[in-house]
Amino acid sequence: MPTSKQRLNLTLPKRLAVFLKKVSLRDEVPQATKAVQLLERALEWEEGEFKQSFVDKVKHRTKRDKLISAKKVLSDLW
């Protein structure tokens, strides 16, 4: 059956495969669904870490530093 979702073929180390199976059984969802949920959480965390490091850089600028253009800020964030 065709799907509009992008497919991704992954090979998991044994320990991750076992963990994924256990948590999917615990949550009573298919392994693929659980993998997507975990990947979404990890990407949100990664994005938050990146944004926080950017904010920390901006907070520590000195008076001699030049202001950063909004265009540069947005391009660095995305």
N, C-alpha and C. Protein backbone atom coordinates (compact mmCIF):
# COMPACT_ATOMS: atom_id res chain seq x y z
N MET A 1 0.84 -1.18 0.00
CA MET A 1 0.00 0.00 0.00
C MET A 1 0.88 1.24 0.00
N PRO A 2 0.65 2.17 -0.93
CA PRO A 2 1.48 3.39 -1.00
C PRO A 2 1.29 4.25 0.24
N THR A 3 2.34 4.97 0.57
CA THR A 3 2.29 5.87 1.72
C THR A 3 2.90 7.20 1.34
N SER A 4 2.44 8.26 1.98
CA SER A 4 3.01 9.59 1.74
C SER A 4 4.21 9.85 2.64
N LYS A 5 4.45 8.93 3.57
CA LYS A 5 5.57 9.08 4.49
C LYS A 5 6.85 8.60 3.84
N GLN A 6 7.94 9.24 4.19
CA GLN A 6 9.25 8.81 3.68
C GLN A 6 9.72 7.59 4.46
N ARG A 7 10.22 6.63 3.74
CA ARG A 7 10.72 5.41 4.39
C ARG A 7 12.22 5.55 4.64
N LEU A 8 12.67 4.91 5.71
CA LEU A 8 14.08 4.94 6.08
C LEU A 8 14.47 3.53 6.53
N ASN A 9 15.48 2.98 5.89
CA ASN A 9 15.94 1.64 6.23
C ASN A 9 17.09 1.76 7.22
N LEU A 10 16.92 1.19 8.41
CA LEU A 10 17.94 1.28 9.45
C LEU A 10 18.41 -0.11 9.86
N THR A 11 19.67 -0.20 10.22
CA THR A 11 20.21 -1.40 10.83
C THR A 11 20.60 -1.03 12.25
N LEU A 12 19.96 -1.69 13.21
CA LEU A 12 20.19 -1.35 14.62
C LEU A 12 21.19 -2.30 15.26
N PRO A 13 22.05 -1.77 16.12
CA PRO A 13 22.86 -2.66 16.95
C PRO A 13 21.92 -3.50 17.83
N LYS A 14 22.36 -4.67 18.20
CA LYS A 14 21.51 -5.59 18.95
C LYS A 14 20.90 -4.96 20.19
N ARG A 15 21.70 -4.22 20.96
CA ARG A 15 21.19 -3.63 22.20
C ARG A 15 20.06 -2.63 21.93
N LEU A 16 20.15 -1.87 20.82
CA LEU A 16 19.07 -0.94 20.49
C LEU A 16 17.84 -1.67 19.99
N ALA A 17 18.05 -2.74 19.23
CA ALA A 17 16.93 -3.53 18.73
C ALA A 17 16.15 -4.15 19.89
N VAL A 18 16.87 -4.66 20.88
CA VAL A 18 16.23 -5.26 22.06
C VAL A 18 15.48 -4.19 22.84
N PHE A 19 16.11 -3.05 23.04
CA PHE A 19 15.46 -1.96 23.78
C PHE A 19 14.20 -1.50 23.05
N LEU A 20 14.29 -1.30 21.74
CA LEU A 20 13.14 -0.84 20.96
C LEU A 20 12.00 -1.84 21.05
N LYS A 21 12.32 -3.12 20.97
CA LYS A 21 11.29 -4.15 21.07
C LYS A 21 10.61 -4.10 22.45
N LYS A 22 11.42 -3.97 23.50
CA LYS A 22 10.86 -3.95 24.86
C LYS A 22 9.95 -2.74 25.08
N VAL A 23 10.40 -1.57 24.67
CA VAL A 23 9.57 -0.38 24.92
C VAL A 23 8.34 -0.36 24.03
N SER A 24 8.43 -0.91 22.83
CA SER A 24 7.24 -0.97 21.98
C SER A 24 6.22 -1.95 22.54
N LEU A 25 6.69 -3.09 23.09
CA LEU A 25 5.78 -4.03 23.74
C LEU A 25 5.15 -3.39 24.99
N ARG A 26 5.98 -2.68 25.76
CA ARG A 26 5.49 -2.02 26.97
C ARG A 26 4.38 -1.03 26.64
N ASP A 27 4.60 -0.26 25.57
CA ASP A 27 3.65 0.78 25.20
C ASP A 27 2.56 0.29 24.25
N GLU A 28 2.63 -0.99 23.89
CA GLU A 28 1.66 -1.62 23.01
C GLU A 28 1.49 -0.88 21.68
N VAL A 29 2.63 -0.56 21.06
CA VAL A 29 2.65 0.07 19.74
C VAL A 29 3.65 -0.70 18.87
N PRO A 30 3.49 -0.62 17.55
CA PRO A 30 4.47 -1.26 16.68
C PRO A 30 5.87 -0.64 16.87
N GLN A 31 6.88 -1.43 16.59
CA GLN A 31 8.26 -0.94 16.76
C GLN A 31 8.52 0.29 15.90
N ALA A 32 7.99 0.32 14.68
CA ALA A 32 8.21 1.47 13.80
C ALA A 32 7.60 2.74 14.40
N THR A 33 6.42 2.61 14.99
CA THR A 33 5.76 3.75 15.62
C THR A 33 6.59 4.26 16.80
N LYS A 34 7.07 3.33 17.61
CA LYS A 34 7.88 3.72 18.77
C LYS A 34 9.18 4.37 18.31
N ALA A 35 9.78 3.83 17.25
CA ALA A 35 11.02 4.41 16.74
C ALA A 35 10.79 5.85 16.27
N VAL A 36 9.67 6.09 15.60
CA VAL A 36 9.34 7.45 15.15
C VAL A 36 9.14 8.37 16.35
N GLN A 37 8.43 7.90 17.37
CA GLN A 37 8.21 8.72 18.57
C GLN A 37 9.54 9.08 19.23
N LEU A 38 10.42 8.11 19.36
CA LEU A 38 11.72 8.37 19.99
C LEU A 38 12.58 9.29 19.14
N LEU A 39 12.51 9.12 17.83
CA LEU A 39 13.28 9.99 16.93
C LEU A 39 12.78 11.43 17.01
N GLU A 40 11.46 11.60 17.07
CA GLU A 40 10.89 12.95 17.21
C GLU A 40 11.39 13.62 18.48
N ARG A 41 11.38 12.88 19.59
CA ARG A 41 11.85 13.44 20.87
C ARG A 41 13.33 13.79 20.80
N ALA A 42 14.12 12.92 20.18
CA ALA A 42 15.55 13.17 20.07
C ALA A 42 15.83 14.40 19.21
N LEU A 43 15.10 14.56 18.13
CA LEU A 43 15.31 15.72 17.26
C LEU A 43 14.87 17.01 17.94
N GLU A 44 13.79 16.96 18.72
CA GLU A 44 13.37 18.15 19.48
C GLU A 44 14.44 18.52 20.50
N TRP A 45 15.00 17.51 21.16
CA TRP A 45 16.07 17.75 22.12
C TRP A 45 17.29 18.34 21.43
N GLU A 46 17.66 17.80 20.29
CA GLU A 46 18.81 18.29 19.53
C GLU A 46 18.61 19.74 19.12
N GLU A 47 17.41 20.06 18.64
CA GLU A 47 17.10 21.43 18.25
C GLU A 47 17.20 22.38 19.44
N GLY A 48 16.69 21.94 20.59
CA GLY A 48 16.77 22.76 21.80
C GLY A 48 18.20 22.99 22.23
N GLU A 49 19.03 21.97 22.15
CA GLU A 49 20.46 22.10 22.49
C GLU A 49 21.14 23.10 21.57
N PHE A 50 20.85 23.00 20.27
CA PHE A 50 21.47 23.91 19.30
C PHE A 50 21.05 25.35 19.56
N LYS A 51 19.75 25.55 19.78
CA LYS A 51 19.27 26.91 20.04
C LYS A 51 19.86 27.47 21.33
N GLN A 52 19.98 26.61 22.36
CA GLN A 52 20.54 27.07 23.62
C GLN A 52 22.00 27.47 23.45
N SER A 53 22.77 26.71 22.69
CA SER A 53 24.17 27.06 22.48
C SER A 53 24.28 28.38 21.72
N PHE A 54 23.36 28.62 20.79
CA PHE A 54 23.36 29.88 20.05
C PHE A 54 23.04 31.03 20.99
N VAL A 55 22.04 30.86 21.85
CA VAL A 55 21.66 31.91 22.80
C VAL A 55 22.82 32.19 23.75
N ASP A 56 23.51 31.16 24.20
CA ASP A 56 24.65 31.34 25.09
C ASP A 56 25.75 32.16 24.42
N LYS A 57 25.98 31.92 23.13
CA LYS A 57 26.98 32.71 22.40
C LYS A 57 26.59 34.17 22.35
N VAL A 58 25.30 34.43 22.09
CA VAL A 58 24.82 35.81 21.99
C VAL A 58 24.92 36.51 23.35
N LYS A 59 24.59 35.79 24.42
CA LYS A 59 24.63 36.38 25.76
C LYS A 59 26.05 36.79 26.16
N HIS A 60 27.05 36.10 25.67
CA HIS A 60 28.43 36.34 26.08
C HIS A 60 29.19 37.27 25.14
N ARG A 61 28.48 37.97 24.30
CA ARG A 61 29.19 38.90 23.42
C ARG A 61 29.60 40.15 24.21
N THR A 62 30.65 40.79 23.78
CA THR A 62 31.14 41.97 24.48
C THR A 62 30.63 43.23 23.79
N LYS A 63 30.88 44.38 24.38
CA LYS A 63 30.43 45.64 23.80
C LYS A 63 31.13 45.92 22.47
N ARG A 64 32.32 45.37 22.30
CA ARG A 64 33.05 45.58 21.05
C ARG A 64 32.52 44.72 19.91
N ASP A 65 31.78 43.68 20.25
CA ASP A 65 31.22 42.82 19.21
C ASP A 65 30.15 43.57 18.43
N LYS A 66 30.07 43.27 17.14
CA LYS A 66 29.05 43.89 16.31
C LYS A 66 27.74 43.13 16.49
N LEU A 67 26.63 43.83 16.25
CA LEU A 67 25.33 43.17 16.31
C LEU A 67 25.21 42.17 15.17
N ILE A 68 24.44 41.14 15.39
CA ILE A 68 24.24 40.11 14.38
C ILE A 68 22.94 40.42 13.64
N SER A 69 22.98 40.34 12.32
CA SER A 69 21.78 40.63 11.55
C SER A 69 20.74 39.53 11.77
N ALA A 70 19.49 39.91 11.66
CA ALA A 70 18.40 38.94 11.82
C ALA A 70 18.52 37.83 10.77
N LYS A 71 18.94 38.18 9.58
CA LYS A 71 19.08 37.18 8.52
C LYS A 71 20.11 36.12 8.92
N LYS A 72 21.23 36.55 9.52
CA LYS A 72 22.25 35.60 9.95
C LYS A 72 21.74 34.73 11.10
N VAL A 73 21.03 35.35 12.01
CA VAL A 73 20.48 34.59 13.14
C VAL A 73 19.57 33.49 12.62
N LEU A 74 18.64 33.84 11.75
CA LEU A 74 17.70 32.85 11.22
C LEU A 74 18.39 31.78 10.41
N SER A 75 19.41 32.17 9.64
CA SER A 75 20.11 31.14 8.85
C SER A 75 20.90 30.21 9.77
N ASP A 76 21.44 30.71 10.87
CA ASP A 76 22.17 29.86 11.81
C ASP A 76 21.23 28.92 12.56
N LEU A 77 20.03 29.39 12.85
CA LEU A 77 19.09 28.56 13.59
C LEU A 77 18.45 27.49 12.72
N TRP A 78 18.30 27.75 11.46
CA TRP A 78 17.62 26.78 10.59
C TRP A 78 18.56 26.36 9.52
